[in-house]
Amino acid sequence: MIDKHEAAGTFDEPEYEEAYNVFTKPHISNPDLVPEPLLKSVIGWSKDKTVSDVRVGGSWDQFKNEGTLAGFSMIGNAKKINVRTLLINGNREIASNEGVRPFWREVEKVTWVTMNKSTHSPHLEEEEGCMGIISEFLIEEWTCVFIRLLLLLHTVLDGYKSSVPLPIPVQPPPPVLLA
């Protein structure tokens, strides 16, 4: 069915759209669960094809990348990313492990998590687990930033120029007097 419409260029036919959805659904969203936010996105995509047009060009052929991003790849450039990075993908999704692995190899400080019960939307399909992973990553990152700021503050305030700063003594707050 898809081949027939690709050959004819009839990508806006309902028959093609239905076949495309059947083909891609196992990789985009868990067939047993279509979360409301994803459903709203799909409805939005059907009304405004801007993102698809940038990716695939004026063609409605979702399997060809002929748009503005044709030929673009971050592979080879991902090594320029010099901040801690979190990669998340689903176990049964379009961004398969083979597609994510080059980023894992190139980015120096990377954490890679594959969600076992998800397709392309682990933030919706495994919301609690995924948000827990993201929260943990952000808390860890901000804790590191906070410690670096404390060490910098210590260095500036004490004039200590060593590469191994001393811990900042913590003073208890003054007692609060109640009248």
N, C-alpha and C. Protein backbone atom coordinates (compact mmCIF):
# COMPACT_ATOMS: atom_id res chain seq x y z
N MET A 1 0.83 -1.19 0.00
CA MET A 1 0.00 0.00 0.00
C MET A 1 0.87 1.26 0.00
N ILE A 2 1.87 1.28 0.90
CA ILE A 2 2.75 2.44 0.99
C ILE A 2 3.52 2.61 -0.31
N ASP A 3 4.07 1.51 -0.84
CA ASP A 3 4.82 1.57 -2.10
C ASP A 3 3.95 2.12 -3.23
N LYS A 4 2.70 1.70 -3.28
CA LYS A 4 1.78 2.14 -4.33
C LYS A 4 1.63 3.67 -4.29
N HIS A 5 1.41 4.21 -3.10
CA HIS A 5 1.21 5.66 -2.98
C HIS A 5 2.51 6.43 -3.16
N GLU A 6 3.63 5.85 -2.76
CA GLU A 6 4.91 6.51 -3.01
C GLU A 6 5.14 6.64 -4.50
N ALA A 7 4.88 5.57 -5.24
CA ALA A 7 5.07 5.59 -6.69
C ALA A 7 4.15 6.61 -7.35
N ALA A 8 2.92 6.72 -6.84
CA ALA A 8 1.95 7.64 -7.43
C ALA A 8 2.08 9.06 -6.86
N GLY A 9 2.81 9.20 -5.76
CA GLY A 9 2.94 10.52 -5.13
C GLY A 9 1.67 10.97 -4.43
N THR A 10 0.83 10.03 -4.06
CA THR A 10 -0.47 10.36 -3.43
C THR A 10 -0.38 10.19 -1.92
N PHE A 11 0.41 11.05 -1.29
CA PHE A 11 0.68 10.93 0.14
C PHE A 11 -0.43 11.52 1.00
N ASP A 12 -1.32 12.28 0.39
CA ASP A 12 -2.41 12.88 1.18
C ASP A 12 -3.69 12.03 1.12
N GLU A 13 -3.60 10.88 0.48
CA GLU A 13 -4.76 9.98 0.42
C GLU A 13 -4.97 9.33 1.78
N PRO A 14 -6.22 9.20 2.24
CA PRO A 14 -6.50 8.55 3.52
C PRO A 14 -5.93 7.13 3.60
N GLU A 15 -5.94 6.41 2.49
CA GLU A 15 -5.43 5.04 2.46
C GLU A 15 -3.92 5.02 2.80
N TYR A 16 -3.17 5.98 2.24
CA TYR A 16 -1.73 6.07 2.54
C TYR A 16 -1.53 6.44 4.01
N GLU A 17 -2.26 7.44 4.49
CA GLU A 17 -2.10 7.88 5.88
C GLU A 17 -2.39 6.74 6.84
N GLU A 18 -3.43 5.96 6.55
CA GLU A 18 -3.77 4.82 7.40
C GLU A 18 -2.66 3.77 7.38
N ALA A 19 -2.15 3.46 6.19
CA ALA A 19 -1.07 2.47 6.08
C ALA A 19 0.19 2.97 6.78
N TYR A 20 0.51 4.24 6.62
CA TYR A 20 1.67 4.83 7.28
C TYR A 20 1.53 4.73 8.80
N ASN A 21 0.35 5.05 9.30
CA ASN A 21 0.11 4.99 10.75
C ASN A 21 0.25 3.56 11.28
N VAL A 22 -0.27 2.59 10.53
CA VAL A 22 -0.16 1.19 10.95
C VAL A 22 1.32 0.77 10.97
N PHE A 23 2.06 1.21 9.96
CA PHE A 23 3.48 0.83 9.85
C PHE A 23 4.31 1.45 10.97
N THR A 24 4.06 2.71 11.29
CA THR A 24 4.92 3.42 12.25
C THR A 24 4.46 3.35 13.70
N LYS A 25 3.20 3.03 13.94
CA LYS A 25 2.67 3.08 15.30
C LYS A 25 3.49 2.28 16.31
N PRO A 26 3.96 1.08 15.99
CA PRO A 26 4.74 0.34 16.99
C PRO A 26 6.06 1.02 17.38
N HIS A 27 6.50 2.01 16.59
CA HIS A 27 7.78 2.67 16.85
C HIS A 27 7.61 4.09 17.39
N ILE A 28 6.42 4.66 17.26
CA ILE A 28 6.17 6.04 17.68
C ILE A 28 5.47 6.08 19.02
N SER A 29 4.48 5.23 19.20
CA SER A 29 3.73 5.20 20.46
C SER A 29 3.23 3.80 20.71
N ASN A 30 3.29 3.38 21.95
CA ASN A 30 2.81 2.07 22.33
C ASN A 30 1.38 1.88 21.80
N PRO A 31 1.15 0.86 20.96
CA PRO A 31 -0.17 0.66 20.37
C PRO A 31 -1.30 0.50 21.40
N ASP A 32 -0.94 0.05 22.61
CA ASP A 32 -1.96 -0.14 23.64
C ASP A 32 -2.25 1.15 24.41
N LEU A 33 -1.45 2.17 24.17
CA LEU A 33 -1.57 3.40 24.94
C LEU A 33 -1.25 4.60 24.05
N VAL A 34 -2.22 5.44 23.82
CA VAL A 34 -1.96 6.69 23.12
C VAL A 34 -2.31 7.80 24.10
N PRO A 35 -1.29 8.30 24.82
CA PRO A 35 -1.54 9.33 25.83
C PRO A 35 -2.15 10.59 25.21
N GLU A 36 -2.97 11.27 25.98
CA GLU A 36 -3.66 12.47 25.50
C GLU A 36 -2.71 13.51 24.92
N PRO A 37 -1.56 13.81 25.56
CA PRO A 37 -0.66 14.80 24.96
C PRO A 37 -0.16 14.39 23.58
N LEU A 38 0.08 13.09 23.37
CA LEU A 38 0.52 12.62 22.06
C LEU A 38 -0.60 12.73 21.05
N LEU A 39 -1.80 12.39 21.46
CA LEU A 39 -2.96 12.50 20.58
C LEU A 39 -3.15 13.96 20.13
N LYS A 40 -3.02 14.90 21.07
CA LYS A 40 -3.12 16.32 20.71
C LYS A 40 -2.04 16.72 19.72
N SER A 41 -0.82 16.19 19.91
CA SER A 41 0.27 16.50 18.99
C SER A 41 -0.02 15.99 17.59
N VAL A 42 -0.52 14.75 17.51
CA VAL A 42 -0.83 14.16 16.21
C VAL A 42 -1.90 14.98 15.50
N ILE A 43 -2.91 15.41 16.24
CA ILE A 43 -3.96 16.25 15.65
C ILE A 43 -3.34 17.56 15.15
N GLY A 44 -2.44 18.13 15.94
CA GLY A 44 -1.76 19.36 15.52
C GLY A 44 -0.92 19.16 14.28
N TRP A 45 -0.20 18.04 14.22
CA TRP A 45 0.62 17.75 13.04
C TRP A 45 -0.23 17.62 11.79
N SER A 46 -1.42 17.05 11.94
CA SER A 46 -2.27 16.87 10.77
C SER A 46 -2.78 18.22 10.25
N LYS A 47 -2.85 19.22 11.12
CA LYS A 47 -3.32 20.54 10.71
C LYS A 47 -2.19 21.44 10.22
N ASP A 48 -0.98 21.25 10.77
CA ASP A 48 0.15 22.11 10.42
C ASP A 48 1.36 21.21 10.14
N LYS A 49 1.75 21.15 8.89
CA LYS A 49 2.83 20.26 8.45
C LYS A 49 4.20 20.94 8.45
N THR A 50 4.36 22.04 9.18
CA THR A 50 5.62 22.78 9.16
C THR A 50 6.81 21.90 9.51
N VAL A 51 6.72 21.16 10.60
CA VAL A 51 7.84 20.32 11.03
C VAL A 51 8.11 19.25 9.99
N SER A 52 7.08 18.59 9.50
CA SER A 52 7.27 17.57 8.46
C SER A 52 7.87 18.17 7.21
N ASP A 53 7.43 19.36 6.83
CA ASP A 53 7.97 20.00 5.63
C ASP A 53 9.46 20.29 5.77
N VAL A 54 9.87 20.73 6.96
CA VAL A 54 11.29 21.00 7.18
C VAL A 54 12.08 19.70 7.10
N ARG A 55 11.53 18.64 7.63
CA ARG A 55 12.22 17.36 7.65
C ARG A 55 12.19 16.67 6.29
N VAL A 56 11.01 16.56 5.67
CA VAL A 56 10.90 15.78 4.44
C VAL A 56 10.73 16.63 3.19
N GLY A 57 10.65 17.93 3.33
CA GLY A 57 10.48 18.78 2.16
C GLY A 57 9.01 18.92 1.79
N GLY A 58 8.74 19.41 0.62
CA GLY A 58 7.37 19.60 0.17
C GLY A 58 6.62 18.31 -0.05
N SER A 59 7.36 17.21 -0.11
CA SER A 59 6.75 15.90 -0.30
C SER A 59 6.05 15.47 0.98
N TRP A 60 5.00 14.72 0.82
CA TRP A 60 4.32 14.16 1.99
C TRP A 60 4.88 12.78 2.30
N ASP A 61 5.89 12.36 1.54
CA ASP A 61 6.48 11.04 1.75
C ASP A 61 7.31 11.08 3.03
N GLN A 62 6.76 10.50 4.09
CA GLN A 62 7.40 10.54 5.41
C GLN A 62 8.68 9.69 5.47
N PHE A 63 8.92 8.86 4.46
CA PHE A 63 10.08 7.99 4.49
C PHE A 63 11.29 8.59 3.78
N LYS A 64 11.12 9.72 3.15
CA LYS A 64 12.23 10.37 2.46
C LYS A 64 12.57 11.66 3.18
N ASN A 65 13.85 11.89 3.33
CA ASN A 65 14.31 13.11 3.98
C ASN A 65 14.85 14.04 2.90
N GLU A 66 13.99 14.90 2.36
CA GLU A 66 14.37 15.80 1.28
C GLU A 66 14.19 17.26 1.66
N GLY A 67 13.89 17.51 2.92
CA GLY A 67 13.63 18.88 3.38
C GLY A 67 14.91 19.62 3.73
N THR A 68 14.75 20.69 4.46
CA THR A 68 15.85 21.54 4.86
C THR A 68 16.92 20.75 5.60
N LEU A 69 16.52 19.74 6.34
CA LEU A 69 17.47 18.96 7.13
C LEU A 69 18.07 17.77 6.38
N ALA A 70 17.77 17.64 5.08
CA ALA A 70 18.30 16.53 4.30
C ALA A 70 19.83 16.55 4.37
N GLY A 71 20.40 15.43 4.71
CA GLY A 71 21.86 15.32 4.77
C GLY A 71 22.47 15.82 6.07
N PHE A 72 21.67 16.46 6.91
CA PHE A 72 22.22 16.97 8.18
C PHE A 72 22.39 15.83 9.17
N SER A 73 23.50 15.86 9.86
CA SER A 73 23.75 14.87 10.92
C SER A 73 24.61 15.52 11.99
N MET A 74 24.33 15.17 13.22
CA MET A 74 25.17 15.62 14.34
C MET A 74 26.32 14.65 14.58
N ILE A 75 26.28 13.50 13.91
CA ILE A 75 27.36 12.53 14.09
C ILE A 75 28.64 13.17 13.56
N GLY A 76 29.66 13.13 14.39
CA GLY A 76 30.91 13.81 14.07
C GLY A 76 30.99 15.16 14.75
N ASN A 77 29.84 15.80 14.94
CA ASN A 77 29.79 17.10 15.63
C ASN A 77 29.41 16.97 17.10
N ALA A 78 28.83 15.84 17.47
CA ALA A 78 28.39 15.66 18.85
C ALA A 78 29.56 15.74 19.82
N LYS A 79 30.77 15.45 19.35
CA LYS A 79 31.94 15.53 20.23
C LYS A 79 32.20 16.95 20.71
N LYS A 80 31.58 17.94 20.07
CA LYS A 80 31.73 19.34 20.50
C LYS A 80 30.87 19.65 21.73
N ILE A 81 29.96 18.76 22.07
CA ILE A 81 29.11 18.96 23.26
C ILE A 81 29.99 18.72 24.48
N ASN A 82 30.15 19.74 25.31
CA ASN A 82 31.07 19.61 26.44
C ASN A 82 30.39 19.78 27.80
N VAL A 83 29.10 19.52 27.84
CA VAL A 83 28.36 19.56 29.10
C VAL A 83 27.75 18.18 29.33
N ARG A 84 27.44 17.89 30.57
CA ARG A 84 26.79 16.62 30.88
C ARG A 84 25.50 16.52 30.07
N THR A 85 25.29 15.37 29.49
CA THR A 85 24.16 15.16 28.58
C THR A 85 23.43 13.89 28.95
N LEU A 86 22.10 13.95 28.89
CA LEU A 86 21.27 12.79 29.15
C LEU A 86 20.61 12.35 27.85
N LEU A 87 20.86 11.12 27.44
CA LEU A 87 20.21 10.53 26.26
C LEU A 87 19.16 9.55 26.76
N ILE A 88 17.95 9.70 26.27
CA ILE A 88 16.88 8.76 26.61
C ILE A 88 16.24 8.28 25.31
N ASN A 89 16.07 6.98 25.19
CA ASN A 89 15.31 6.46 24.07
C ASN A 89 14.46 5.29 24.56
N GLY A 90 13.48 4.94 23.75
CA GLY A 90 12.62 3.81 24.09
C GLY A 90 13.18 2.52 23.51
N ASN A 91 12.78 1.42 24.08
CA ASN A 91 13.27 0.11 23.66
C ASN A 91 12.78 -0.29 22.27
N ARG A 92 11.60 0.20 21.85
CA ARG A 92 11.02 -0.21 20.57
C ARG A 92 10.74 1.00 19.68
N GLU A 93 11.68 1.89 19.56
CA GLU A 93 11.38 3.14 18.88
C GLU A 93 12.21 3.41 17.66
N ILE A 94 11.87 4.49 16.98
CA ILE A 94 12.58 4.91 15.77
C ILE A 94 14.03 5.24 16.09
N ALA A 95 14.28 5.96 17.18
CA ALA A 95 15.65 6.29 17.59
C ALA A 95 16.21 5.07 18.33
N SER A 96 16.50 4.04 17.55
CA SER A 96 16.96 2.77 18.11
C SER A 96 18.33 2.94 18.76
N ASN A 97 18.77 1.91 19.45
CA ASN A 97 20.09 1.96 20.07
C ASN A 97 21.18 2.23 19.04
N GLU A 98 21.02 1.68 17.84
CA GLU A 98 22.01 1.91 16.78
C GLU A 98 22.06 3.38 16.39
N GLY A 99 20.90 4.05 16.44
CA GLY A 99 20.84 5.46 16.10
C GLY A 99 21.36 6.37 17.20
N VAL A 100 21.26 5.92 18.45
CA VAL A 100 21.67 6.72 19.60
C VAL A 100 23.14 6.49 19.94
N ARG A 101 23.64 5.28 19.66
CA ARG A 101 25.00 4.90 20.05
C ARG A 101 26.08 5.90 19.61
N PRO A 102 26.06 6.46 18.40
CA PRO A 102 27.11 7.42 18.04
C PRO A 102 27.19 8.62 18.98
N PHE A 103 26.04 9.06 19.48
CA PHE A 103 26.05 10.19 20.41
C PHE A 103 26.64 9.77 21.75
N TRP A 104 26.34 8.55 22.17
CA TRP A 104 26.90 8.01 23.40
C TRP A 104 28.42 7.92 23.28
N ARG A 105 28.90 7.54 22.11
CA ARG A 105 30.35 7.42 21.90
C ARG A 105 31.03 8.79 21.82
N GLU A 106 30.38 9.76 21.20
CA GLU A 106 31.03 11.05 20.94
C GLU A 106 30.96 12.05 22.08
N VAL A 107 29.84 12.10 22.78
CA VAL A 107 29.69 13.10 23.84
C VAL A 107 30.50 12.63 25.04
N GLU A 108 31.37 13.51 25.53
CA GLU A 108 32.32 13.11 26.57
C GLU A 108 31.64 12.74 27.90
N LYS A 109 30.69 13.56 28.33
CA LYS A 109 30.03 13.33 29.62
C LYS A 109 28.57 12.99 29.36
N VAL A 110 28.28 11.72 29.15
CA VAL A 110 26.94 11.33 28.74
C VAL A 110 26.40 10.20 29.61
N THR A 111 25.12 10.28 29.88
CA THR A 111 24.40 9.19 30.52
C THR A 111 23.32 8.76 29.54
N TRP A 112 23.26 7.46 29.26
CA TRP A 112 22.30 6.93 28.28
C TRP A 112 21.37 5.96 28.98
N VAL A 113 20.08 6.21 28.85
CA VAL A 113 19.06 5.36 29.45
C VAL A 113 18.09 4.92 28.37
N THR A 114 17.84 3.61 28.28
CA THR A 114 16.82 3.09 27.37
C THR A 114 15.65 2.63 28.23
N MET A 115 14.49 3.20 27.96
CA MET A 115 13.27 2.85 28.70
C MET A 115 12.70 1.57 28.09
N ASN A 116 12.54 0.54 28.91
CA ASN A 116 12.19 -0.80 28.40
C ASN A 116 10.76 -0.96 27.90
N LYS A 117 9.84 -0.14 28.35
CA LYS A 117 8.43 -0.33 27.95
C LYS A 117 7.95 0.78 27.03
N SER A 118 8.87 1.45 26.35
CA SER A 118 8.48 2.64 25.57
C SER A 118 8.87 2.54 24.11
N THR A 119 8.19 3.35 23.34
CA THR A 119 8.57 3.59 21.96
C THR A 119 9.23 4.97 21.94
N HIS A 120 8.76 5.87 21.10
CA HIS A 120 9.40 7.19 20.93
C HIS A 120 8.96 8.21 21.98
N SER A 121 8.09 7.83 22.89
CA SER A 121 7.54 8.78 23.85
C SER A 121 7.66 8.27 25.29
N PRO A 122 8.87 7.96 25.75
CA PRO A 122 8.99 7.43 27.11
C PRO A 122 8.51 8.41 28.17
N HIS A 123 8.56 9.71 27.88
CA HIS A 123 8.08 10.71 28.83
C HIS A 123 6.57 10.64 29.01
N LEU A 124 5.88 10.00 28.08
CA LEU A 124 4.43 9.81 28.17
C LEU A 124 4.08 8.36 28.52
N GLU A 125 4.81 7.42 27.97
CA GLU A 125 4.48 6.01 28.16
C GLU A 125 4.97 5.45 29.49
N GLU A 126 6.08 5.96 29.98
CA GLU A 126 6.63 5.57 31.28
C GLU A 126 6.92 6.85 32.06
N GLU A 127 5.90 7.67 32.18
CA GLU A 127 6.06 9.03 32.71
C GLU A 127 6.79 9.06 34.05
N GLU A 128 6.33 8.28 35.00
CA GLU A 128 6.92 8.34 36.34
C GLU A 128 8.40 7.95 36.32
N GLY A 129 8.71 6.85 35.66
CA GLY A 129 10.11 6.41 35.59
C GLY A 129 10.99 7.37 34.82
N CYS A 130 10.49 7.85 33.70
CA CYS A 130 11.25 8.77 32.87
C CYS A 130 11.49 10.10 33.59
N MET A 131 10.44 10.64 34.19
CA MET A 131 10.60 11.90 34.91
C MET A 131 11.51 11.73 36.13
N GLY A 132 11.50 10.53 36.73
CA GLY A 132 12.41 10.25 37.83
C GLY A 132 13.86 10.29 37.37
N ILE A 133 14.13 9.71 36.22
CA ILE A 133 15.48 9.71 35.65
C ILE A 133 15.92 11.13 35.33
N ILE A 134 15.03 11.89 34.70
CA ILE A 134 15.35 13.28 34.36
C ILE A 134 15.58 14.10 35.63
N SER A 135 14.72 13.93 36.64
CA SER A 135 14.87 14.67 37.90
C SER A 135 16.20 14.33 38.57
N GLU A 136 16.51 13.05 38.63
CA GLU A 136 17.76 12.60 39.24
C GLU A 136 18.96 13.24 38.52
N PHE A 137 18.92 13.23 37.19
CA PHE A 137 20.00 13.82 36.39
C PHE A 137 20.14 15.31 36.69
N LEU A 138 19.01 16.02 36.71
CA LEU A 138 19.06 17.46 36.95
C LEU A 138 19.51 17.79 38.36
N ILE A 139 19.03 17.03 39.34
CA ILE A 139 19.45 17.27 40.73
C ILE A 139 20.96 17.04 40.85
N GLU A 140 21.44 15.97 40.25
CA GLU A 140 22.88 15.68 40.29
C GLU A 140 23.66 16.80 39.60
N GLU A 141 23.16 17.25 38.45
CA GLU A 141 23.86 18.31 37.72
C GLU A 141 23.87 19.61 38.52
N TRP A 142 22.72 19.97 39.07
CA TRP A 142 22.65 21.23 39.83
C TRP A 142 23.43 21.13 41.13
N THR A 143 23.52 19.95 41.72
CA THR A 143 24.35 19.76 42.91
C THR A 143 25.81 20.02 42.55
N CYS A 144 26.25 19.50 41.41
CA CYS A 144 27.63 19.74 40.95
C CYS A 144 27.87 21.22 40.71
N VAL A 145 26.92 21.88 40.08
CA VAL A 145 27.04 23.33 39.82
C VAL A 145 27.11 24.08 41.14
N PHE A 146 26.25 23.73 42.09
CA PHE A 146 26.23 24.39 43.38
C PHE A 146 27.56 24.21 44.11
N ILE A 147 28.09 23.00 44.09
CA ILE A 147 29.38 22.74 44.74
C ILE A 147 30.49 23.55 44.08
N ARG A 148 30.48 23.61 42.74
CA ARG A 148 31.50 24.41 42.05
C ARG A 148 31.37 25.88 42.42
N LEU A 149 30.14 26.37 42.53
CA LEU A 149 29.94 27.77 42.94
C LEU A 149 30.43 28.01 44.37
N LEU A 150 30.14 27.07 45.27
CA LEU A 150 30.62 27.20 46.65
C LEU A 150 32.15 27.22 46.70
N LEU A 151 32.77 26.35 45.93
CA LEU A 151 34.23 26.31 45.91
C LEU A 151 34.80 27.59 45.32
N LEU A 152 34.17 28.11 44.29
CA LEU A 152 34.61 29.37 43.70
C LEU A 152 34.44 30.50 44.71
N LEU A 153 33.32 30.54 45.38
CA LEU A 153 33.06 31.56 46.39
C LEU A 153 34.11 31.47 47.50
N HIS A 154 34.41 30.26 47.93
CA HIS A 154 35.42 30.05 48.96
C HIS A 154 36.77 30.59 48.49
N THR A 155 37.14 30.29 47.26
CA THR A 155 38.41 30.75 46.70
C THR A 155 38.47 32.27 46.67
N VAL A 156 37.39 32.89 46.23
CA VAL A 156 37.36 34.35 46.13
C VAL A 156 37.39 34.99 47.51
N LEU A 157 36.53 34.53 48.41
CA LEU A 157 36.43 35.15 49.73
C LEU A 157 37.68 34.96 50.57
N ASP A 158 38.27 33.80 50.52
CA ASP A 158 39.43 33.53 51.35
C ASP A 158 40.74 33.81 50.66
N GLY A 159 40.69 34.13 49.37
CA GLY A 159 41.92 34.38 48.64
C GLY A 159 42.74 33.11 48.46
N TYR A 160 42.11 31.99 48.66
CA TYR A 160 42.79 30.70 48.57
C TYR A 160 42.91 30.33 47.10
N LYS A 161 44.13 30.20 46.57
CA LYS A 161 44.32 29.98 45.13
C LYS A 161 44.72 28.55 44.78
N SER A 162 44.68 27.67 45.73
CA SER A 162 45.06 26.28 45.48
C SER A 162 44.01 25.60 44.59
N SER A 163 44.43 24.59 43.88
CA SER A 163 43.47 23.84 43.06
C SER A 163 42.65 22.86 43.91
N VAL A 164 42.98 22.75 45.20
CA VAL A 164 42.21 21.88 46.09
C VAL A 164 41.63 22.75 47.20
N PRO A 165 40.46 23.35 46.97
CA PRO A 165 39.87 24.25 47.97
C PRO A 165 39.52 23.51 49.26
N LEU A 166 39.61 24.24 50.35
CA LEU A 166 39.20 23.70 51.64
C LEU A 166 37.69 23.78 51.76
N PRO A 167 37.09 22.90 52.55
CA PRO A 167 35.63 23.00 52.72
C PRO A 167 35.25 24.29 53.43
N ILE A 168 34.10 24.81 53.09
CA ILE A 168 33.61 26.04 53.70
C ILE A 168 33.00 25.69 55.05
N PRO A 169 33.49 26.32 56.15
CA PRO A 169 32.87 26.03 57.44
C PRO A 169 31.44 26.55 57.46
N VAL A 170 30.56 25.76 58.00
CA VAL A 170 29.15 26.17 58.08
C VAL A 170 28.87 26.63 59.49
N GLN A 171 28.41 27.85 59.62
CA GLN A 171 28.07 28.43 60.91
C GLN A 171 26.57 28.28 61.12
N PRO A 172 26.17 27.88 62.32
CA PRO A 172 24.72 27.82 62.56
C PRO A 172 24.13 29.22 62.56
N PRO A 173 22.88 29.37 62.16
CA PRO A 173 22.26 30.70 62.16
C PRO A 173 22.11 31.19 63.61
N PRO A 174 22.07 32.51 63.77
CA PRO A 174 21.89 33.03 65.15
C PRO A 174 20.54 32.62 65.68
N PRO A 175 20.42 32.48 66.99
CA PRO A 175 19.12 32.08 67.56
C PRO A 175 18.08 33.14 67.32
N VAL A 176 16.86 32.69 67.15
CA VAL A 176 15.75 33.61 66.98
C VAL A 176 15.13 33.85 68.35
N LEU A 177 15.04 35.11 68.71
CA LEU A 177 14.46 35.46 70.03
C LEU A 177 12.97 35.71 69.86
N LEU A 178 12.20 35.00 70.64
CA LEU A 178 10.74 35.16 70.59
C LEU A 178 10.31 36.09 71.73
N ALA A 179 9.49 37.04 71.43
CA ALA A 179 9.04 37.98 72.46
C ALA A 179 7.84 37.44 73.18
